[in-house]
Amino acid sequence: MLSKLWQLYKRFQLRSSPQLNLVLGFLLYTLVGWLLLCLPFFHNSPISILDNLFISTSAISTTGLVTVDVGGDYNRWGQLIIMLLFQVGGIGYMTLTTYYLLITTQRITRWHKKMIGTAFTMPKSIQIRDFIKSVILFTIIMESLGTLGFFLVFRQEGMATGKALWDSLFHSVSAFCTAGFGLYSNSFEDFRANQWINLIISVLAICGSLGFIVITDIWYRIRRKSDQLTFTTKIILVGFIVLLTFGTVLVYFTEPSVTSLAGYERFLAAFFQSMTAMTTVGFNTISTGGLSLPILLGVIFLMYIGASPSGTAGGMKITTLTAMLSILSSHLQGNKHVSFLGRSIPYERLYVATATFVLYTSIIFAASFLMSFFQEQSFDVLLFEVASALGTVGLSTGLTGELTVAGKVLIIILMFVGRVGVLTFGFALIHRKGHKEMQYVEDDIAV
């Protein structure tokens, strides 16, 4: 019976589109995590079934929005389950599966190549085998260094050795996977002035969010497999630096809760708040609920954009924004070809970027509209929560703990869709494998 069920499952995999396989894979991990978290011996206090599902989805989607106190309501074993979930969600379950195939059989099947190509959008110059190896190796190195760094700081702060070791590992994995899960009820507000904690989290989050394309590309450059960085890497680096600088300057000069700080603490707070929104790491050193309305909207914009494709961050992605701005710029200049930094962008990439932009924006609008029926808070608070959930950021003004049942269900859906990708989710719902291209009569439309 089990053999027949396995054969049926394999046939379903082969017949289904890569997008549907990816969605169902993440759904399976979410449900397994949910069932495990529902077991009472993982709890310090009773947790409802819906809250366990919320936490499982938040972990696998590397969001970090929580309806319960992870550090208090779950015991060490429950926290371990959550950590494993956002580790899998951060680097992708297909990455782990493909790496296992590489070390056991030394080959990657055609099906796995299609799945990896769906999960990670990569330029043609990067080989999947090298990409997978760089992802695993880089993840191990960064999370190990992060754990060591956290441990030294926590011990210096007087934390007991056992607790310091566990907290260090948990927060290191969470920061690199930009998961935003923390064991402290006020995130890292108590460490606002600690430059080492700010530095460790920032380095881990930036390295994770810049994406494994950038890491693999730099590795190629170091090993002299290529003469220069790819066009994708240049776009990501330029866009990231520009947006992060913009956010830091904006918060530094205009946010009252930051301008009241003195010296380097003011810069740390401004930089960290912008970094945490852009990388979607979700930690905070100042109260998000206390941000002024202009800065709240600025943070929403950064969460909306996100960081790099093929990384641990969420959001619409810098490359999508770049493509949209390039289309606008080329049209205003009367150019037939869309270009950026002197390079022409392929039309198939522009189609994907446009579809992502329209669908992502539409989902935010529709979800904010629905949320206004479920919650009585002001619209800016609702929009912030929706953008944080779909962008898998994890920042909240305090609404998460006050969500109604309908509100929780909507946020769960948004977190899941944000993790698998809005376009991937859309393909999984409506794409028919092997359908033929239809012929249409060309006509005009006034725009």
Protein backbone atom coordinates (compact mmCIF):
# COMPACT_ATOMS: atom_id res chain seq x y z
CA MET A 1 0.00 0.00 0.00
CA LEU A 2 2.78 2.43 0.92
CA SER A 3 4.62 1.55 -2.28
CA LYS A 4 1.53 2.30 -4.37
CA LEU A 5 0.93 5.60 -2.58
CA TRP A 6 4.58 6.57 -3.18
CA GLN A 7 4.27 5.74 -6.88
CA LEU A 8 1.09 7.82 -7.13
CA TYR A 9 2.84 10.72 -5.40
CA LYS A 10 5.84 10.52 -7.79
CA ARG A 11 3.49 10.50 -10.80
CA PHE A 12 1.68 13.52 -9.43
CA GLN A 13 5.03 15.32 -9.00
CA LEU A 14 6.05 14.65 -12.59
CA ARG A 15 2.67 15.66 -13.99
CA SER A 16 2.39 18.85 -11.95
CA SER A 17 4.08 22.14 -12.76
CA PRO A 18 7.23 23.06 -10.82
CA GLN A 19 5.31 25.95 -9.25
CA LEU A 20 2.61 23.66 -7.89
CA ASN A 21 5.25 21.25 -6.57
CA LEU A 22 7.01 24.10 -4.80
CA VAL A 23 3.81 25.38 -3.20
CA LEU A 24 2.76 21.91 -2.04
CA GLY A 25 6.23 21.23 -0.67
CA PHE A 26 6.17 24.33 1.52
CA LEU A 27 2.60 23.52 2.52
CA LEU A 28 3.67 20.03 3.61
CA TYR A 29 6.49 21.41 5.79
CA THR A 30 4.09 23.97 7.27
CA LEU A 31 1.58 21.27 8.21
CA VAL A 32 4.24 18.98 9.67
CA GLY A 33 5.58 21.86 11.77
CA TRP A 34 2.04 22.73 12.86
CA LEU A 35 1.29 19.16 13.99
CA LEU A 36 4.54 19.00 15.95
CA LEU A 37 3.96 22.37 17.62
CA CYS A 38 0.46 21.24 18.64
CA LEU A 39 1.98 18.53 20.89
CA PRO A 40 1.65 19.68 24.53
CA PHE A 41 5.15 18.65 25.62
CA PHE A 42 6.62 21.39 23.41
CA HIS A 43 4.77 24.07 25.41
CA ASN A 44 5.36 25.90 28.65
CA SER A 45 1.74 27.10 28.60
CA PRO A 46 -1.37 26.18 26.54
CA ILE A 47 -1.34 27.43 22.94
CA SER A 48 -4.35 27.27 20.63
CA ILE A 49 -4.38 25.24 17.40
CA LEU A 50 -4.69 28.39 15.29
CA ASP A 51 -1.76 30.07 17.06
CA ASN A 52 0.41 26.99 16.44
CA LEU A 53 -0.50 27.13 12.75
CA PHE A 54 0.30 30.85 12.74
CA ILE A 55 3.74 30.23 14.26
CA SER A 56 4.49 27.31 11.92
CA THR A 57 3.58 29.38 8.85
CA SER A 58 5.52 32.37 10.16
CA ALA A 59 8.58 30.16 10.68
CA ILE A 60 8.54 28.33 7.33
CA SER A 61 7.95 31.66 5.58
CA THR A 62 10.76 33.29 7.63
CA THR A 63 8.44 36.12 8.61
CA GLY A 64 8.67 36.39 12.38
CA LEU A 65 5.19 37.70 13.15
CA VAL A 66 4.02 36.00 16.34
CA THR A 67 0.74 35.81 18.25
CA VAL A 68 2.38 34.21 21.31
CA ASP A 69 5.63 34.67 23.20
CA VAL A 70 8.04 32.21 21.55
CA GLY A 71 10.62 32.55 24.32
CA GLY A 72 8.06 32.03 27.09
CA ASP A 73 5.21 29.90 25.74
CA TYR A 74 7.38 27.27 23.98
CA ASN A 75 10.04 25.26 25.79
CA ARG A 76 13.52 24.59 24.41
CA TRP A 77 12.29 21.68 22.24
CA GLY A 78 9.44 23.76 20.81
CA GLN A 79 11.91 26.52 20.03
CA LEU A 80 14.10 23.94 18.26
CA ILE A 81 11.19 22.91 16.02
CA ILE A 82 10.60 26.57 15.16
CA MET A 83 14.30 27.10 14.41
CA LEU A 84 14.41 24.07 12.09
CA LEU A 85 11.35 25.38 10.28
CA PHE A 86 12.82 28.80 9.53
CA GLN A 87 16.16 27.19 8.63
CA VAL A 88 14.39 25.09 6.00
CA GLY A 89 12.29 28.07 4.94
CA GLY A 90 15.33 30.33 4.71
CA ILE A 91 17.53 28.34 2.34
CA GLY A 92 14.66 26.38 0.76
CA TYR A 93 13.75 22.74 1.16
CA MET A 94 14.64 22.01 -2.48
CA THR A 95 18.16 23.27 -1.82
CA LEU A 96 18.56 20.73 0.99
CA THR A 97 17.09 17.91 -1.11
CA THR A 98 19.29 18.69 -4.10
CA TYR A 99 22.40 18.98 -1.92
CA TYR A 100 21.62 15.55 -0.45
CA LEU A 101 21.46 14.15 -3.99
CA LEU A 102 24.79 15.76 -4.82
CA ILE A 103 26.67 14.22 -1.89
CA THR A 104 25.05 10.77 -2.29
CA THR A 105 24.73 10.30 -6.06
CA GLN A 106 26.94 13.10 -7.44
CA ARG A 107 24.20 14.06 -9.89
CA ILE A 108 21.10 16.24 -10.11
CA THR A 109 17.98 14.98 -11.87
CA ARG A 110 16.27 17.04 -14.55
CA TRP A 111 13.25 17.40 -12.28
CA HIS A 112 15.40 18.86 -9.47
CA LYS A 113 17.00 21.28 -11.92
CA LYS A 114 13.54 22.53 -12.93
CA MET A 115 12.52 22.87 -9.30
CA ILE A 116 15.67 24.80 -8.36
CA GLY A 117 15.16 27.02 -11.40
CA THR A 118 11.66 27.78 -10.14
CA ALA A 119 12.65 28.35 -6.52
CA PHE A 120 15.66 30.52 -7.43
CA THR A 121 15.76 32.87 -10.42
CA MET A 122 19.34 32.67 -11.63
CA PRO A 123 21.29 34.16 -14.54
CA LYS A 124 22.44 31.62 -17.12
CA SER A 125 26.11 32.13 -16.22
CA ILE A 126 25.69 30.40 -12.83
CA GLN A 127 25.73 26.59 -12.69
CA ILE A 128 23.16 24.91 -10.42
CA ARG A 129 25.74 22.53 -8.94
CA ASP A 130 28.03 25.40 -7.89
CA PHE A 131 25.03 27.41 -6.69
CA ILE A 132 23.78 24.64 -4.36
CA LYS A 133 27.22 24.04 -2.88
CA SER A 134 27.80 27.75 -2.27
CA VAL A 135 24.39 28.08 -0.55
CA ILE A 136 25.07 25.26 1.92
CA LEU A 137 28.70 26.18 2.62
CA PHE A 138 28.00 29.90 3.01
CA THR A 139 25.03 29.22 5.30
CA ILE A 140 27.10 26.99 7.61
CA ILE A 141 29.98 29.49 7.77
CA MET A 142 27.83 32.55 8.42
CA GLU A 143 25.57 30.93 11.02
CA SER A 144 28.58 29.48 12.85
CA LEU A 145 30.35 32.84 12.96
CA GLY A 146 27.11 34.51 14.02
CA THR A 147 26.63 32.03 16.86
CA LEU A 148 30.17 32.67 18.08
CA GLY A 149 29.71 36.43 17.91
CA PHE A 150 26.39 36.36 19.78
CA PHE A 151 27.82 34.01 22.40
CA LEU A 152 30.77 36.30 23.21
CA VAL A 153 28.48 39.32 23.56
CA PHE A 154 25.86 37.49 25.66
CA ARG A 155 28.52 36.12 28.00
CA GLN A 156 29.96 39.61 28.34
CA GLU A 157 26.47 40.78 29.31
CA GLY A 158 26.47 38.22 32.14
CA MET A 159 24.20 35.58 30.60
CA ALA A 160 24.62 31.98 31.81
CA THR A 161 26.69 29.76 29.50
CA GLY A 162 23.92 27.32 28.55
CA LYS A 163 21.37 30.03 27.85
CA ALA A 164 23.94 32.15 26.01
CA LEU A 165 24.82 29.22 23.73
CA TRP A 166 21.20 28.42 22.84
CA ASP A 167 20.17 32.06 22.40
CA SER A 168 23.21 32.63 20.20
CA LEU A 169 22.44 29.71 17.90
CA PHE A 170 18.74 30.55 17.66
CA HIS A 171 19.26 34.24 16.88
CA SER A 172 22.13 33.56 14.48
CA VAL A 173 20.03 31.22 12.34
CA SER A 174 17.07 33.59 12.63
CA ALA A 175 19.13 36.61 11.54
CA PHE A 176 20.80 34.90 8.58
CA CYS A 177 17.50 33.44 7.37
CA THR A 178 15.93 36.89 7.96
CA ALA A 179 13.28 35.07 10.00
CA GLY A 180 12.82 37.72 12.71
CA PHE A 181 12.12 35.16 15.43
CA GLY A 182 13.52 36.19 18.79
CA LEU A 183 13.43 34.84 22.32
CA TYR A 184 12.97 38.28 23.93
CA SER A 185 9.57 39.93 24.22
CA ASN A 186 10.83 43.35 23.06
CA SER A 187 13.12 42.01 20.32
CA PHE A 188 16.55 43.72 20.66
CA GLU A 189 15.43 47.03 22.14
CA ASP A 190 17.54 46.35 25.24
CA PHE A 191 20.62 46.13 22.99
CA ARG A 192 19.96 49.35 21.04
CA ALA A 193 23.27 50.90 22.09
CA ASN A 194 25.30 47.67 21.81
CA GLN A 195 27.29 48.14 18.61
CA TRP A 196 28.36 44.48 18.51
CA ILE A 197 24.80 43.14 18.55
CA ASN A 198 23.83 45.70 15.88
CA LEU A 199 26.83 44.68 13.78
CA ILE A 200 26.32 40.91 14.08
CA ILE A 201 22.63 41.04 13.16
CA SER A 202 23.26 43.49 10.31
CA VAL A 203 26.05 41.42 8.76
CA LEU A 204 24.06 38.18 9.00
CA ALA A 205 20.87 39.74 7.63
CA ILE A 206 22.60 41.60 4.78
CA CYS A 207 24.58 38.52 3.74
CA GLY A 208 21.43 36.39 3.76
CA SER A 209 19.22 38.94 2.02
CA LEU A 210 21.67 39.93 -0.72
CA GLY A 211 21.06 36.46 -2.08
CA PHE A 212 23.01 33.41 -3.03
CA ILE A 213 23.31 34.66 -6.61
CA VAL A 214 25.57 37.46 -5.36
CA ILE A 215 27.56 35.07 -3.16
CA THR A 216 28.04 32.54 -5.97
CA ASP A 217 28.96 35.33 -8.38
CA ILE A 218 31.58 36.74 -5.99
CA TRP A 219 32.91 33.20 -5.44
CA TYR A 220 33.27 32.80 -9.23
CA ARG A 221 35.18 36.07 -9.31
CA ILE A 222 37.51 35.01 -6.48
CA ARG A 223 38.22 31.67 -8.15
CA ARG A 224 38.63 33.49 -11.49
CA LYS A 225 35.86 31.50 -13.17
CA SER A 226 34.57 34.84 -14.46
CA ASP A 227 36.19 38.16 -15.29
CA GLN A 228 33.49 40.40 -13.83
CA LEU A 229 30.35 40.42 -11.74
CA THR A 230 27.10 39.60 -13.50
CA PHE A 231 24.59 42.27 -14.47
CA THR A 232 22.16 40.88 -11.85
CA THR A 233 24.72 41.25 -9.05
CA LYS A 234 25.49 44.84 -10.05
CA ILE A 235 21.79 45.74 -10.01
CA ILE A 236 21.31 44.14 -6.58
CA LEU A 237 24.35 45.84 -5.02
CA VAL A 238 23.60 49.29 -6.47
CA GLY A 239 19.91 49.11 -5.56
CA PHE A 240 20.57 47.82 -2.06
CA ILE A 241 23.11 50.53 -1.24
CA VAL A 242 20.89 53.31 -2.60
CA LEU A 243 17.75 52.19 -0.76
CA LEU A 244 19.55 51.45 2.51
CA THR A 245 21.23 54.87 2.43
CA PHE A 246 17.92 56.54 1.67
CA GLY A 247 16.18 54.79 4.57
CA THR A 248 18.97 55.50 7.04
CA VAL A 249 19.13 59.21 6.20
CA LEU A 250 15.34 59.52 6.33
CA VAL A 251 15.05 57.91 9.77
CA TYR A 252 18.14 59.68 11.12
CA PHE A 253 16.86 63.19 10.38
CA THR A 254 13.07 62.89 10.67
CA GLU A 255 12.05 60.20 13.19
CA PRO A 256 11.44 61.82 16.64
CA SER A 257 12.24 58.66 18.62
CA VAL A 258 15.63 58.55 16.86
CA THR A 259 16.51 62.25 16.73
CA SER A 260 16.17 62.34 20.53
CA LEU A 261 19.12 59.92 20.82
CA ALA A 262 22.68 61.13 21.03
CA GLY A 263 25.93 60.25 19.26
CA TYR A 264 26.50 56.89 17.63
CA GLU A 265 23.32 55.47 19.21
CA ARG A 266 21.27 57.70 16.92
CA PHE A 267 23.04 56.40 13.82
CA LEU A 268 22.79 52.77 15.00
CA ALA A 269 19.04 53.11 15.52
CA ALA A 270 18.48 54.78 12.14
CA PHE A 271 20.62 52.29 10.25
CA PHE A 272 19.17 49.25 12.01
CA GLN A 273 15.56 50.29 11.41
CA SER A 274 16.20 50.73 7.68
CA MET A 275 18.29 47.57 7.44
CA THR A 276 15.70 45.42 9.22
CA ALA A 277 12.95 46.58 6.82
CA MET A 278 15.02 46.15 3.66
CA THR A 279 16.52 42.77 4.52
CA THR A 280 13.14 41.71 6.01
CA VAL A 281 14.98 40.36 9.08
CA GLY A 282 12.23 41.73 11.33
CA PHE A 283 14.23 42.55 14.47
CA ASN A 284 13.96 46.04 15.95
CA THR A 285 15.94 48.15 18.42
CA ILE A 286 13.33 50.93 18.69
CA SER A 287 9.59 50.50 19.17
CA THR A 288 7.94 50.05 15.78
CA GLY A 289 4.59 51.06 17.24
CA GLY A 290 6.06 54.43 18.25
CA LEU A 291 7.23 55.43 14.76
CA SER A 292 5.79 58.61 13.26
CA LEU A 293 3.44 58.31 10.28
CA PRO A 294 5.96 59.49 7.59
CA ILE A 295 8.57 56.99 8.79
CA LEU A 296 5.93 54.28 9.07
CA LEU A 297 5.15 54.83 5.38
CA GLY A 298 8.87 54.88 4.57
CA VAL A 299 9.35 51.55 6.31
CA ILE A 300 6.35 50.13 4.42
CA PHE A 301 8.04 51.16 1.17
CA LEU A 302 11.29 49.40 2.13
CA MET A 303 9.37 46.27 3.19
CA TYR A 304 7.45 46.42 -0.09
CA ILE A 305 10.67 46.41 -2.12
CA GLY A 306 12.67 43.93 -0.01
CA ALA A 307 16.14 42.84 -1.08
CA SER A 308 17.46 40.31 -3.57
CA PRO A 309 15.92 37.37 -5.43
CA SER A 310 17.32 33.92 -4.61
CA GLY A 311 18.12 34.99 -1.06
CA THR A 312 16.47 34.69 2.34
CA ALA A 313 14.66 38.04 2.14
CA GLY A 314 11.08 38.65 1.04
CA GLY A 315 9.44 41.61 -0.65
CA MET A 316 8.90 42.42 -4.32
CA LYS A 317 12.72 42.45 -4.87
CA ILE A 318 15.18 45.12 -5.97
CA THR A 319 15.46 43.61 -9.46
CA THR A 320 11.71 43.97 -10.00
CA LEU A 321 11.81 47.63 -8.96
CA THR A 322 14.81 48.20 -11.24
CA ALA A 323 13.00 46.64 -14.20
CA MET A 324 9.92 48.79 -13.62
CA LEU A 325 11.97 51.99 -13.31
CA SER A 326 13.92 51.04 -16.44
CA ILE A 327 10.68 50.58 -18.38
CA LEU A 328 9.51 54.02 -17.23
CA SER A 329 12.83 55.67 -18.01
CA SER A 330 13.14 54.10 -21.46
CA HIS A 331 9.58 55.06 -22.37
CA LEU A 332 10.04 58.69 -21.26
CA GLN A 333 13.24 58.90 -23.33
CA GLY A 334 11.54 57.38 -26.36
CA ASN A 335 13.84 54.33 -26.47
CA LYS A 336 12.52 51.11 -28.01
CA HIS A 337 14.79 48.93 -25.88
CA VAL A 338 14.67 48.87 -22.09
CA SER A 339 18.11 49.22 -20.52
CA PHE A 340 19.85 49.80 -17.20
CA LEU A 341 23.51 50.65 -16.55
CA GLY A 342 24.08 50.53 -20.30
CA ARG A 343 22.73 46.97 -20.65
CA SER A 344 19.56 45.89 -22.43
CA ILE A 345 17.11 43.88 -20.28
CA PRO A 346 15.50 40.83 -22.01
CA TYR A 347 11.77 41.18 -22.66
CA GLU A 348 10.95 37.89 -20.88
CA ARG A 349 12.45 39.29 -17.67
CA LEU A 350 10.44 42.50 -18.12
CA TYR A 351 7.24 40.47 -18.47
CA VAL A 352 8.00 38.62 -15.24
CA ALA A 353 8.85 41.85 -13.41
CA THR A 354 5.68 43.57 -14.63
CA ALA A 355 3.51 40.62 -13.64
CA THR A 356 5.17 40.46 -10.21
CA PHE A 357 4.71 44.20 -9.65
CA VAL A 358 1.02 44.18 -10.62
CA LEU A 359 0.16 41.01 -8.67
CA TYR A 360 2.17 41.97 -5.56
CA THR A 361 0.64 45.44 -5.41
CA SER A 362 -2.86 44.09 -6.03
CA ILE A 363 -2.53 41.58 -3.20
CA ILE A 364 -1.43 44.30 -0.77
CA PHE A 365 -4.39 46.46 -1.75
CA ALA A 366 -6.91 43.60 -1.59
CA ALA A 367 -5.57 42.27 1.72
CA SER A 368 -5.59 45.73 3.31
CA PHE A 369 -9.19 46.14 2.14
CA LEU A 370 -10.19 42.80 3.70
CA MET A 371 -8.26 43.49 6.89
CA SER A 372 -10.26 46.69 7.41
CA PHE A 373 -13.35 44.48 7.84
CA PHE A 374 -11.67 42.27 10.45
CA GLN A 375 -9.80 44.85 12.55
CA GLU A 376 -10.78 48.25 13.92
CA GLN A 377 -7.31 49.85 13.90
CA SER A 378 -6.33 52.78 11.66
CA PHE A 379 -5.54 52.05 8.01
CA ASP A 380 -1.80 52.80 8.30
CA VAL A 381 -1.51 50.12 11.00
CA LEU A 382 -3.43 47.62 8.84
CA LEU A 383 -1.35 48.42 5.76
CA PHE A 384 1.86 48.03 7.76
CA GLU A 385 0.79 44.58 9.03
CA VAL A 386 -0.21 43.42 5.55
CA ALA A 387 3.04 44.67 3.96
CA SER A 388 5.05 43.02 6.73
CA ALA A 389 3.26 39.68 6.28
CA LEU A 390 3.43 39.55 2.47
CA GLY A 391 7.03 40.80 2.52
CA THR A 392 7.85 38.15 5.18
CA VAL A 393 9.37 40.91 7.31
CA GLY A 394 7.99 40.35 10.81
CA LEU A 395 7.84 43.96 11.98
CA SER A 396 4.59 44.98 13.67
CA THR A 397 3.16 48.06 15.31
CA GLY A 398 1.51 45.78 17.89
CA LEU A 399 -1.45 44.58 15.82
CA THR A 400 -0.33 40.93 15.58
CA GLY A 401 -1.18 40.18 19.19
CA GLU A 402 -4.65 41.72 18.75
CA LEU A 403 -5.64 39.90 15.55
CA THR A 404 -9.08 38.37 15.33
CA VAL A 405 -9.51 34.80 14.07
CA ALA A 406 -10.25 36.09 10.55
CA GLY A 407 -7.27 38.45 10.79
CA LYS A 408 -4.96 35.60 11.76
CA VAL A 409 -6.16 33.44 8.87
CA LEU A 410 -5.58 36.29 6.39
CA ILE A 411 -2.07 36.96 7.73
CA ILE A 412 -1.27 33.22 7.56
CA ILE A 413 -2.24 33.18 3.88
CA LEU A 414 -0.20 36.32 3.17
CA MET A 415 2.91 34.94 4.89
CA PHE A 416 2.69 31.71 2.93
CA VAL A 417 2.13 33.45 -0.41
CA GLY A 418 4.99 35.85 0.37
CA ARG A 419 7.39 32.96 0.97
CA VAL A 420 6.64 30.93 -2.15
CA GLY A 421 6.40 34.10 -4.22
CA VAL A 422 3.29 35.80 -5.57
CA LEU A 423 4.00 34.78 -9.16
CA THR A 424 4.84 31.19 -8.22
CA PHE A 425 1.64 30.98 -6.20
CA GLY A 426 -0.36 32.42 -9.09
CA PHE A 427 1.17 29.93 -11.54
CA ALA A 428 0.43 27.06 -9.16
CA LEU A 429 -3.25 28.05 -9.06
CA ILE A 430 -3.98 28.67 -12.73
CA HIS A 431 -1.13 27.29 -14.85
CA ARG A 432 -2.01 24.27 -16.96
CA LYS A 433 0.93 22.09 -17.91
CA GLY A 434 1.39 21.60 -21.61
CA HIS A 435 -1.34 24.02 -22.69
CA LYS A 436 -0.96 25.33 -26.21
CA GLU A 437 -0.35 28.94 -27.12
CA MET A 438 -3.56 30.37 -28.55
CA GLN A 439 -3.63 32.57 -31.62
CA TYR A 440 -5.37 35.93 -31.22
CA VAL A 441 -6.41 38.65 -33.63
CA GLU A 442 -4.29 41.73 -32.96
CA ASP A 443 -6.22 44.84 -31.97
CA ASP A 444 -5.52 48.24 -30.40
CA ILE A 445 -6.23 49.76 -27.00
CA ALA A 446 -6.04 53.36 -25.85
CA VAL A 447 -3.62 53.81 -22.90
